[in-house]
Amino acid sequence: MKQQYSHECVPIEYWRSLGWWMAILQQTRNPNPKPETDNPDTVVATINLRLPRRSLLVQFTCNGCGERTERLVNRLAYERGVIFVQCAGCLQHHKLVDNLGLVTEYNFREETNREFETDQV
């Protein structure tokens, strides 16, 4: 069966050590910084990027559309469970890991092609 994707895993600690992603996040989170006020009624929204359960960065390339996608996944699920990720280009869900054997894939195209190739009497 032809593989629908190619992927590699890099621990998130590696990317955090680079430091470049923090500058990008700061720009995307607040591109036009406003001066802070001393008003106690002001509510400040914060984003907590520390996801202890998602500590492994998975990069994969979809063979269907060619889009390269990065996702943070649970390390335990990658090592012992099942992981499906959504491609950013074609929005299809791809199975990256199935350590439990829960998903069975069938190729119905081969069976239908065999039926058309046989002679019918």
N, C-alpha and C. Protein backbone atom coordinates (compact mmCIF):
# COMPACT_ATOMS: atom_id res chain seq x y z
N MET A 1 0.85 -1.18 0.00
CA MET A 1 0.00 0.00 0.00
C MET A 1 0.90 1.24 0.00
N LYS A 2 0.58 2.18 -0.84
CA LYS A 2 1.37 3.40 -0.95
C LYS A 2 1.13 4.30 0.25
N GLN A 3 2.21 4.82 0.79
CA GLN A 3 2.11 5.69 1.96
C GLN A 3 1.58 7.06 1.54
N GLN A 4 0.63 7.60 2.29
CA GLN A 4 -0.01 8.86 1.97
C GLN A 4 0.79 10.07 2.44
N TYR A 5 1.86 9.87 3.19
CA TYR A 5 2.57 10.98 3.81
C TYR A 5 3.97 10.53 4.17
N SER A 6 4.81 11.47 4.48
CA SER A 6 6.10 11.18 5.10
C SER A 6 6.22 12.11 6.28
N HIS A 7 6.77 11.61 7.38
CA HIS A 7 6.82 12.45 8.57
C HIS A 7 8.10 12.21 9.34
N GLU A 8 8.42 13.16 10.16
CA GLU A 8 9.56 13.06 11.06
C GLU A 8 9.15 13.73 12.36
N CYS A 9 9.73 13.26 13.44
CA CYS A 9 9.38 13.81 14.75
C CYS A 9 10.60 14.46 15.37
N VAL A 10 10.39 15.61 15.93
CA VAL A 10 11.44 16.36 16.60
C VAL A 10 10.90 16.78 17.95
N PRO A 11 11.61 16.49 19.03
CA PRO A 11 11.11 16.94 20.34
C PRO A 11 10.97 18.45 20.38
N ILE A 12 9.92 18.90 21.03
CA ILE A 12 9.64 20.34 21.10
C ILE A 12 10.74 21.07 21.85
N GLU A 13 11.46 20.37 22.72
CA GLU A 13 12.55 21.01 23.45
C GLU A 13 13.63 21.51 22.48
N TYR A 14 13.82 20.78 21.38
CA TYR A 14 14.79 21.21 20.37
C TYR A 14 14.38 22.56 19.78
N TRP A 15 13.11 22.69 19.41
CA TRP A 15 12.64 23.94 18.81
C TRP A 15 12.64 25.07 19.82
N ARG A 16 12.33 24.75 21.08
CA ARG A 16 12.36 25.79 22.10
C ARG A 16 13.78 26.29 22.32
N SER A 17 14.76 25.40 22.18
CA SER A 17 16.14 25.83 22.38
C SER A 17 16.61 26.78 21.29
N LEU A 18 15.99 26.72 20.13
CA LEU A 18 16.40 27.60 19.04
C LEU A 18 16.03 29.06 19.30
N GLY A 19 14.88 29.27 19.90
CA GLY A 19 14.47 30.61 20.26
C GLY A 19 13.83 31.40 19.14
N TRP A 20 13.94 30.96 17.90
CA TRP A 20 13.39 31.72 16.78
C TRP A 20 11.88 31.73 16.79
N TRP A 21 11.27 30.68 17.26
CA TRP A 21 9.81 30.60 17.23
C TRP A 21 9.18 31.59 18.19
N MET A 22 9.90 31.97 19.25
CA MET A 22 9.35 32.91 20.21
C MET A 22 9.17 34.29 19.57
N ALA A 23 10.12 34.70 18.75
CA ALA A 23 9.99 35.99 18.07
C ALA A 23 8.82 35.97 17.09
N ILE A 24 8.63 34.86 16.40
CA ILE A 24 7.51 34.75 15.47
C ILE A 24 6.20 34.78 16.23
N LEU A 25 6.13 34.06 17.35
CA LEU A 25 4.90 34.05 18.14
C LEU A 25 4.59 35.43 18.70
N GLN A 26 5.60 36.16 19.11
CA GLN A 26 5.37 37.50 19.63
C GLN A 26 4.81 38.41 18.55
N GLN A 27 5.31 38.27 17.33
CA GLN A 27 4.82 39.10 16.23
C GLN A 27 3.39 38.73 15.85
N THR A 28 3.08 37.44 15.82
CA THR A 28 1.74 37.04 15.42
C THR A 28 0.73 37.27 16.53
N ARG A 29 1.17 37.17 17.77
CA ARG A 29 0.25 37.35 18.88
C ARG A 29 -0.12 38.81 19.05
N ASN A 30 0.85 39.71 18.90
CA ASN A 30 0.59 41.12 19.12
C ASN A 30 1.39 41.94 18.10
N PRO A 31 0.92 42.01 16.84
CA PRO A 31 1.69 42.74 15.84
C PRO A 31 1.75 44.24 16.08
N ASN A 32 0.72 44.84 16.70
CA ASN A 32 0.69 46.26 17.00
C ASN A 32 0.55 46.45 18.50
N PRO A 33 1.65 46.46 19.22
CA PRO A 33 1.52 46.55 20.68
C PRO A 33 0.93 47.89 21.09
N LYS A 34 -0.01 47.83 22.02
CA LYS A 34 -0.64 49.04 22.55
C LYS A 34 -0.05 49.32 23.93
N PRO A 35 0.02 50.58 24.29
CA PRO A 35 0.55 50.88 25.62
C PRO A 35 -0.39 50.34 26.69
N GLU A 36 0.21 49.76 27.72
CA GLU A 36 -0.59 49.21 28.81
C GLU A 36 -1.15 50.34 29.66
N THR A 37 -2.35 50.15 30.14
CA THR A 37 -2.99 51.14 30.99
C THR A 37 -2.99 50.64 32.42
N ASP A 38 -3.14 51.57 33.34
CA ASP A 38 -3.20 51.22 34.75
C ASP A 38 -4.63 50.98 35.21
N ASN A 39 -5.55 50.86 34.28
CA ASN A 39 -6.95 50.65 34.61
C ASN A 39 -7.14 49.21 35.10
N PRO A 40 -7.65 49.00 36.32
CA PRO A 40 -7.83 47.64 36.83
C PRO A 40 -8.98 46.90 36.15
N ASP A 41 -9.84 47.62 35.44
CA ASP A 41 -10.96 46.96 34.76
C ASP A 41 -10.55 46.36 33.42
N THR A 42 -9.33 46.60 32.98
CA THR A 42 -8.87 46.09 31.71
C THR A 42 -8.58 44.60 31.84
N VAL A 43 -9.13 43.82 30.94
CA VAL A 43 -8.90 42.38 30.93
C VAL A 43 -7.86 42.07 29.87
N VAL A 44 -6.82 41.36 30.26
CA VAL A 44 -5.75 41.01 29.35
C VAL A 44 -5.86 39.52 29.05
N ALA A 45 -5.96 39.18 27.79
CA ALA A 45 -6.02 37.77 27.39
C ALA A 45 -4.61 37.26 27.19
N THR A 46 -4.33 36.11 27.72
CA THR A 46 -3.02 35.49 27.54
C THR A 46 -3.20 34.12 26.92
N ILE A 47 -2.18 33.68 26.24
CA ILE A 47 -2.18 32.36 25.62
C ILE A 47 -1.11 31.53 26.30
N ASN A 48 -1.51 30.41 26.84
CA ASN A 48 -0.56 29.51 27.48
C ASN A 48 -0.07 28.52 26.43
N LEU A 49 1.18 28.65 26.02
CA LEU A 49 1.74 27.77 25.01
C LEU A 49 2.41 26.54 25.61
N ARG A 50 2.40 26.41 26.90
CA ARG A 50 3.00 25.25 27.53
C ARG A 50 1.95 24.14 27.58
N LEU A 51 2.03 23.25 26.63
CA LEU A 51 1.11 22.13 26.55
C LEU A 51 1.86 20.87 27.00
N PRO A 52 1.74 20.48 28.26
CA PRO A 52 2.54 19.36 28.75
C PRO A 52 2.20 18.04 28.07
N ARG A 53 1.00 17.89 27.58
CA ARG A 53 0.63 16.64 26.95
C ARG A 53 1.09 16.58 25.50
N ARG A 54 1.27 17.72 24.88
CA ARG A 54 1.73 17.76 23.48
C ARG A 54 3.17 18.25 23.47
N SER A 55 4.08 17.32 23.54
CA SER A 55 5.48 17.70 23.67
C SER A 55 6.33 17.24 22.50
N LEU A 56 5.73 16.67 21.46
CA LEU A 56 6.49 16.18 20.33
C LEU A 56 6.00 16.88 19.07
N LEU A 57 6.93 17.49 18.35
CA LEU A 57 6.59 18.19 17.11
C LEU A 57 6.70 17.21 15.95
N VAL A 58 5.60 17.01 15.24
CA VAL A 58 5.56 16.09 14.10
C VAL A 58 5.47 16.92 12.83
N GLN A 59 6.34 16.64 11.89
CA GLN A 59 6.31 17.29 10.59
C GLN A 59 6.02 16.22 9.55
N PHE A 60 5.08 16.49 8.65
CA PHE A 60 4.81 15.52 7.60
C PHE A 60 4.47 16.25 6.31
N THR A 61 4.72 15.57 5.21
CA THR A 61 4.41 16.09 3.89
C THR A 61 3.33 15.22 3.28
N CYS A 62 2.24 15.82 2.88
CA CYS A 62 1.13 15.10 2.27
C CYS A 62 1.49 14.80 0.81
N ASN A 63 1.36 13.53 0.42
CA ASN A 63 1.64 13.17 -0.97
C ASN A 63 0.52 13.60 -1.90
N GLY A 64 -0.65 13.86 -1.36
CA GLY A 64 -1.78 14.28 -2.18
C GLY A 64 -1.63 15.70 -2.68
N CYS A 65 -1.33 16.63 -1.75
CA CYS A 65 -1.25 18.05 -2.15
C CYS A 65 0.17 18.61 -2.04
N GLY A 66 1.09 17.89 -1.38
CA GLY A 66 2.47 18.34 -1.27
C GLY A 66 2.72 19.35 -0.17
N GLU A 67 1.72 19.62 0.65
CA GLU A 67 1.84 20.61 1.73
C GLU A 67 2.63 20.01 2.89
N ARG A 68 3.55 20.80 3.45
CA ARG A 68 4.32 20.38 4.63
C ARG A 68 3.63 20.97 5.85
N THR A 69 3.30 20.12 6.84
CA THR A 69 2.53 20.52 8.00
C THR A 69 3.26 20.12 9.27
N GLU A 70 3.18 20.97 10.29
CA GLU A 70 3.74 20.69 11.61
C GLU A 70 2.62 20.67 12.63
N ARG A 71 2.66 19.69 13.52
CA ARG A 71 1.67 19.59 14.59
C ARG A 71 2.36 19.13 15.86
N LEU A 72 1.88 19.63 17.00
CA LEU A 72 2.33 19.14 18.29
C LEU A 72 1.43 17.97 18.68
N VAL A 73 2.04 16.85 19.08
CA VAL A 73 1.28 15.66 19.44
C VAL A 73 1.74 15.15 20.80
N ASN A 74 0.93 14.28 21.36
CA ASN A 74 1.24 13.65 22.63
C ASN A 74 2.30 12.58 22.40
N ARG A 75 3.38 12.64 23.15
CA ARG A 75 4.48 11.69 22.99
C ARG A 75 4.03 10.26 23.29
N LEU A 76 3.22 10.09 24.32
CA LEU A 76 2.75 8.76 24.69
C LEU A 76 1.87 8.17 23.59
N ALA A 77 1.02 8.98 22.99
CA ALA A 77 0.19 8.50 21.89
C ALA A 77 1.05 8.13 20.69
N TYR A 78 2.12 8.86 20.43
CA TYR A 78 2.99 8.55 19.31
C TYR A 78 3.73 7.24 19.55
N GLU A 79 4.14 6.99 20.78
CA GLU A 79 4.91 5.79 21.07
C GLU A 79 4.04 4.56 21.28
N ARG A 80 2.81 4.74 21.81
CA ARG A 80 2.01 3.57 22.18
C ARG A 80 0.59 3.57 21.62
N GLY A 81 0.15 4.65 21.02
CA GLY A 81 -1.26 4.76 20.65
C GLY A 81 -1.49 5.00 19.17
N VAL A 82 -2.51 5.79 18.89
CA VAL A 82 -2.94 6.09 17.53
C VAL A 82 -2.96 7.60 17.36
N ILE A 83 -2.43 8.09 16.24
CA ILE A 83 -2.43 9.52 15.96
C ILE A 83 -2.92 9.77 14.54
N PHE A 84 -3.93 10.62 14.44
CA PHE A 84 -4.41 11.14 13.17
C PHE A 84 -4.15 12.64 13.18
N VAL A 85 -3.64 13.17 12.08
CA VAL A 85 -3.41 14.61 11.98
C VAL A 85 -4.08 15.12 10.71
N GLN A 86 -4.43 16.40 10.74
CA GLN A 86 -5.09 17.01 9.59
C GLN A 86 -4.08 17.80 8.78
N CYS A 87 -4.07 17.56 7.49
CA CYS A 87 -3.19 18.27 6.58
C CYS A 87 -3.66 19.71 6.45
N ALA A 88 -2.72 20.64 6.47
CA ALA A 88 -3.07 22.06 6.35
C ALA A 88 -3.45 22.44 4.92
N GLY A 89 -3.01 21.66 3.95
CA GLY A 89 -3.29 22.00 2.56
C GLY A 89 -4.63 21.48 2.06
N CYS A 90 -4.84 20.16 2.17
CA CYS A 90 -6.06 19.57 1.63
C CYS A 90 -7.10 19.28 2.70
N LEU A 91 -6.78 19.55 3.96
CA LEU A 91 -7.68 19.37 5.10
C LEU A 91 -8.13 17.92 5.29
N GLN A 92 -7.36 16.97 4.75
CA GLN A 92 -7.64 15.55 4.94
C GLN A 92 -6.98 15.08 6.23
N HIS A 93 -7.57 14.09 6.88
CA HIS A 93 -6.97 13.50 8.07
C HIS A 93 -6.12 12.31 7.64
N HIS A 94 -4.88 12.28 8.12
CA HIS A 94 -3.96 11.21 7.78
C HIS A 94 -3.59 10.44 9.04
N LYS A 95 -3.49 9.13 8.92
CA LYS A 95 -3.06 8.30 10.04
C LYS A 95 -1.54 8.28 10.04
N LEU A 96 -0.93 8.80 11.10
CA LEU A 96 0.52 8.77 11.21
C LEU A 96 0.99 7.52 11.93
N VAL A 97 0.33 7.19 13.04
CA VAL A 97 0.78 6.08 13.87
C VAL A 97 -0.43 5.27 14.30
N ASP A 98 -0.31 3.94 14.23
CA ASP A 98 -1.34 3.04 14.76
C ASP A 98 -0.63 1.87 15.43
N ASN A 99 -0.14 2.11 16.64
CA ASN A 99 0.57 1.07 17.38
C ASN A 99 -0.37 0.01 17.93
N LEU A 100 -1.65 0.30 18.03
CA LEU A 100 -2.62 -0.63 18.61
C LEU A 100 -3.29 -1.50 17.55
N GLY A 101 -3.11 -1.18 16.30
CA GLY A 101 -3.74 -1.94 15.23
C GLY A 101 -5.25 -1.76 15.18
N LEU A 102 -5.74 -0.60 15.55
CA LEU A 102 -7.17 -0.35 15.60
C LEU A 102 -7.78 -0.07 14.23
N VAL A 103 -7.01 0.48 13.32
CA VAL A 103 -7.54 0.89 12.02
C VAL A 103 -7.06 -0.09 10.96
N THR A 104 -8.01 -0.66 10.23
CA THR A 104 -7.69 -1.57 9.13
C THR A 104 -7.98 -0.85 7.83
N GLU A 105 -7.01 -0.85 6.94
CA GLU A 105 -7.18 -0.17 5.66
C GLU A 105 -7.43 -1.19 4.57
N TYR A 106 -8.43 -0.93 3.76
CA TYR A 106 -8.76 -1.78 2.64
C TYR A 106 -8.57 -1.00 1.36
N ASN A 107 -8.11 -1.69 0.32
CA ASN A 107 -7.98 -1.06 -0.98
C ASN A 107 -9.02 -1.68 -1.90
N PHE A 108 -10.17 -1.04 -2.02
CA PHE A 108 -11.25 -1.56 -2.83
C PHE A 108 -11.00 -1.38 -4.32
N ARG A 109 -10.08 -0.55 -4.69
CA ARG A 109 -9.79 -0.33 -6.11
C ARG A 109 -9.21 -1.58 -6.75
N GLU A 110 -8.35 -2.30 -6.02
CA GLU A 110 -7.75 -3.51 -6.57
C GLU A 110 -8.81 -4.57 -6.83
N GLU A 111 -9.77 -4.72 -5.93
CA GLU A 111 -10.81 -5.73 -6.09
C GLU A 111 -11.70 -5.41 -7.28
N THR A 112 -12.05 -4.15 -7.46
CA THR A 112 -12.92 -3.79 -8.59
C THR A 112 -12.16 -3.92 -9.90
N ASN A 113 -10.87 -3.65 -9.92
CA ASN A 113 -10.09 -3.80 -11.15
C ASN A 113 -10.00 -5.27 -11.54
N ARG A 114 -9.89 -6.16 -10.59
CA ARG A 114 -9.83 -7.59 -10.89
C ARG A 114 -11.14 -8.06 -11.51
N GLU A 115 -12.24 -7.55 -11.04
CA GLU A 115 -13.54 -7.96 -11.59
C GLU A 115 -13.67 -7.54 -13.05
N PHE A 116 -13.16 -6.38 -13.40
CA PHE A 116 -13.27 -5.90 -14.78
C PHE A 116 -12.29 -6.62 -15.71
N GLU A 117 -11.19 -7.14 -15.18
CA GLU A 117 -10.19 -7.81 -16.01
C GLU A 117 -10.59 -9.24 -16.34
N THR A 118 -11.44 -9.88 -15.55
CA THR A 118 -11.82 -11.27 -15.81
C THR A 118 -12.83 -11.32 -16.94
N ASP A 119 -12.77 -12.40 -17.69
CA ASP A 119 -13.72 -12.60 -18.78
C ASP A 119 -15.06 -13.04 -18.23
N GLN A 120 -16.09 -12.45 -18.73
CA GLN A 120 -17.43 -12.83 -18.30
C GLN A 120 -18.10 -13.62 -19.41
N VAL A 121 -18.73 -14.71 -19.03
CA VAL A 121 -19.37 -15.58 -20.02
C VAL A 121 -20.85 -15.32 -20.06
